[in-house]
Amino acid sequence: MLRAGDVELHTAEREVRIAGESIQLTLKEYRLLELFMRHPNQVLSREQISNSLWDFEFDGYSNVIDVHVKNLRKKLSDRGNEEVIETVRGVGYRVKG
């Protein structure tokens, strides 16, 4: 199990819980959250995220990663959770450990 704040990611069950309540994520959102949680407090660039989660060459001008991060943040915050995913301007994203 991986944990960041109230968010728990149960890798064996492929389940995410906030304060014990299960939330539904798409496969890409789950993999993105898992990547962040396996690297707590480490800033991951869009290129690092792309290389880990997508099978195509990363287009630095694409907003596909930003969209997935936005959707993931919304699902996490809908449960009253504090902001776990932090944007580091000009660099990338990180999960507060």
Protein backbone atom coordinates (compact mmCIF):
# COMPACT_ATOMS: atom_id res chain seq x y z
CA MET A 1 0.00 0.00 0.00
CA LEU A 2 1.15 3.51 -0.84
CA ARG A 3 -0.06 6.56 1.08
CA ALA A 4 -0.04 10.34 0.56
CA GLY A 5 -2.11 12.29 3.05
CA ASP A 6 -5.57 10.66 3.23
CA VAL A 7 -5.07 8.91 -0.12
CA GLU A 8 -4.28 5.20 -0.01
CA LEU A 9 -3.37 3.23 -3.11
CA HIS A 10 -3.72 -0.52 -2.65
CA THR A 11 -1.59 -1.99 -5.41
CA ALA A 12 -2.64 -5.62 -4.93
CA GLU A 13 -6.32 -4.73 -5.32
CA ARG A 14 -5.69 -1.84 -7.76
CA GLU A 15 -7.91 0.28 -5.56
CA VAL A 16 -7.70 3.87 -4.33
CA ARG A 17 -9.30 4.95 -1.07
CA ILE A 18 -9.68 8.27 0.65
CA ALA A 19 -10.45 8.06 4.36
CA GLY A 20 -11.47 4.44 3.78
CA GLU A 21 -13.87 5.24 0.95
CA SER A 22 -13.11 3.72 -2.45
CA ILE A 23 -12.96 6.03 -5.48
CA GLN A 24 -13.19 5.11 -9.14
CA LEU A 25 -10.31 6.05 -11.44
CA THR A 26 -9.64 5.31 -15.07
CA LEU A 27 -6.67 3.05 -15.76
CA LYS A 28 -4.55 6.04 -16.85
CA GLU A 29 -5.51 8.04 -13.73
CA TYR A 30 -4.66 5.06 -11.54
CA ARG A 31 -1.28 4.57 -13.21
CA LEU A 32 -0.54 8.31 -12.95
CA LEU A 33 -1.38 8.36 -9.23
CA GLU A 34 0.69 5.22 -8.67
CA LEU A 35 3.67 6.80 -10.46
CA PHE A 36 3.41 9.92 -8.29
CA MET A 37 3.01 7.92 -5.08
CA ARG A 38 6.00 5.71 -5.85
CA HIS A 39 8.08 8.92 -6.06
CA PRO A 40 6.86 11.02 -3.10
CA ASN A 41 8.12 14.60 -3.00
CA GLN A 42 10.03 14.04 -6.26
CA VAL A 43 9.19 16.43 -9.08
CA LEU A 44 8.34 14.44 -12.21
CA SER A 45 8.60 16.25 -15.52
CA ARG A 46 5.99 15.80 -18.22
CA GLU A 47 8.61 13.90 -20.20
CA GLN A 48 9.24 11.47 -17.31
CA ILE A 49 5.50 10.95 -16.90
CA SER A 50 5.04 10.43 -20.62
CA ASN A 51 7.89 7.92 -20.82
CA SER A 52 6.37 5.95 -17.95
CA LEU A 53 2.73 5.96 -19.03
CA TRP A 54 2.45 6.40 -22.79
CA ASP A 55 3.78 4.34 -25.69
CA PHE A 56 4.28 7.25 -28.06
CA GLU A 57 6.88 9.96 -28.36
CA PHE A 58 6.02 12.87 -26.11
CA ASP A 59 4.92 16.10 -27.76
CA GLY A 60 6.03 18.85 -25.40
CA TYR A 61 3.16 21.05 -26.56
CA SER A 62 0.45 18.45 -25.87
CA ASN A 63 -1.75 18.97 -22.83
CA VAL A 64 -2.74 15.30 -22.43
CA ILE A 65 -0.79 14.95 -19.17
CA ASP A 66 -2.22 18.20 -17.79
CA VAL A 67 -5.75 16.98 -18.57
CA HIS A 68 -5.20 13.66 -16.76
CA VAL A 69 -3.67 15.45 -13.76
CA LYS A 70 -6.64 17.86 -13.67
CA ASN A 71 -9.14 14.98 -13.79
CA LEU A 72 -7.26 13.08 -11.10
CA ARG A 73 -7.10 16.16 -8.85
CA LYS A 74 -10.85 16.68 -9.26
CA LYS A 75 -11.66 13.10 -8.28
CA LEU A 76 -9.38 13.32 -5.25
CA SER A 77 -10.71 16.71 -4.13
CA ASP A 78 -14.37 15.70 -4.64
CA ARG A 79 -13.95 13.58 -1.51
CA GLY A 80 -12.91 16.64 0.51
CA ASN A 81 -9.26 15.69 0.31
CA GLU A 82 -6.59 18.37 0.50
CA GLU A 83 -4.54 19.02 -2.63
CA VAL A 84 -2.11 16.08 -2.87
CA ILE A 85 -0.73 16.73 -6.35
CA GLU A 86 1.35 19.88 -6.55
CA THR A 87 2.33 21.73 -9.73
CA VAL A 88 5.93 22.90 -9.87
CA ARG A 89 5.75 25.65 -12.48
CA GLY A 90 7.93 25.09 -15.49
CA VAL A 91 9.09 21.69 -14.24
CA GLY A 92 6.27 19.21 -13.64
CA TYR A 93 4.27 17.68 -10.81
CA ARG A 94 4.82 15.97 -7.49
CA VAL A 95 2.83 14.29 -4.76
CA LYS A 96 3.26 15.69 -1.29
CA GLY A 97 4.50 12.82 0.85
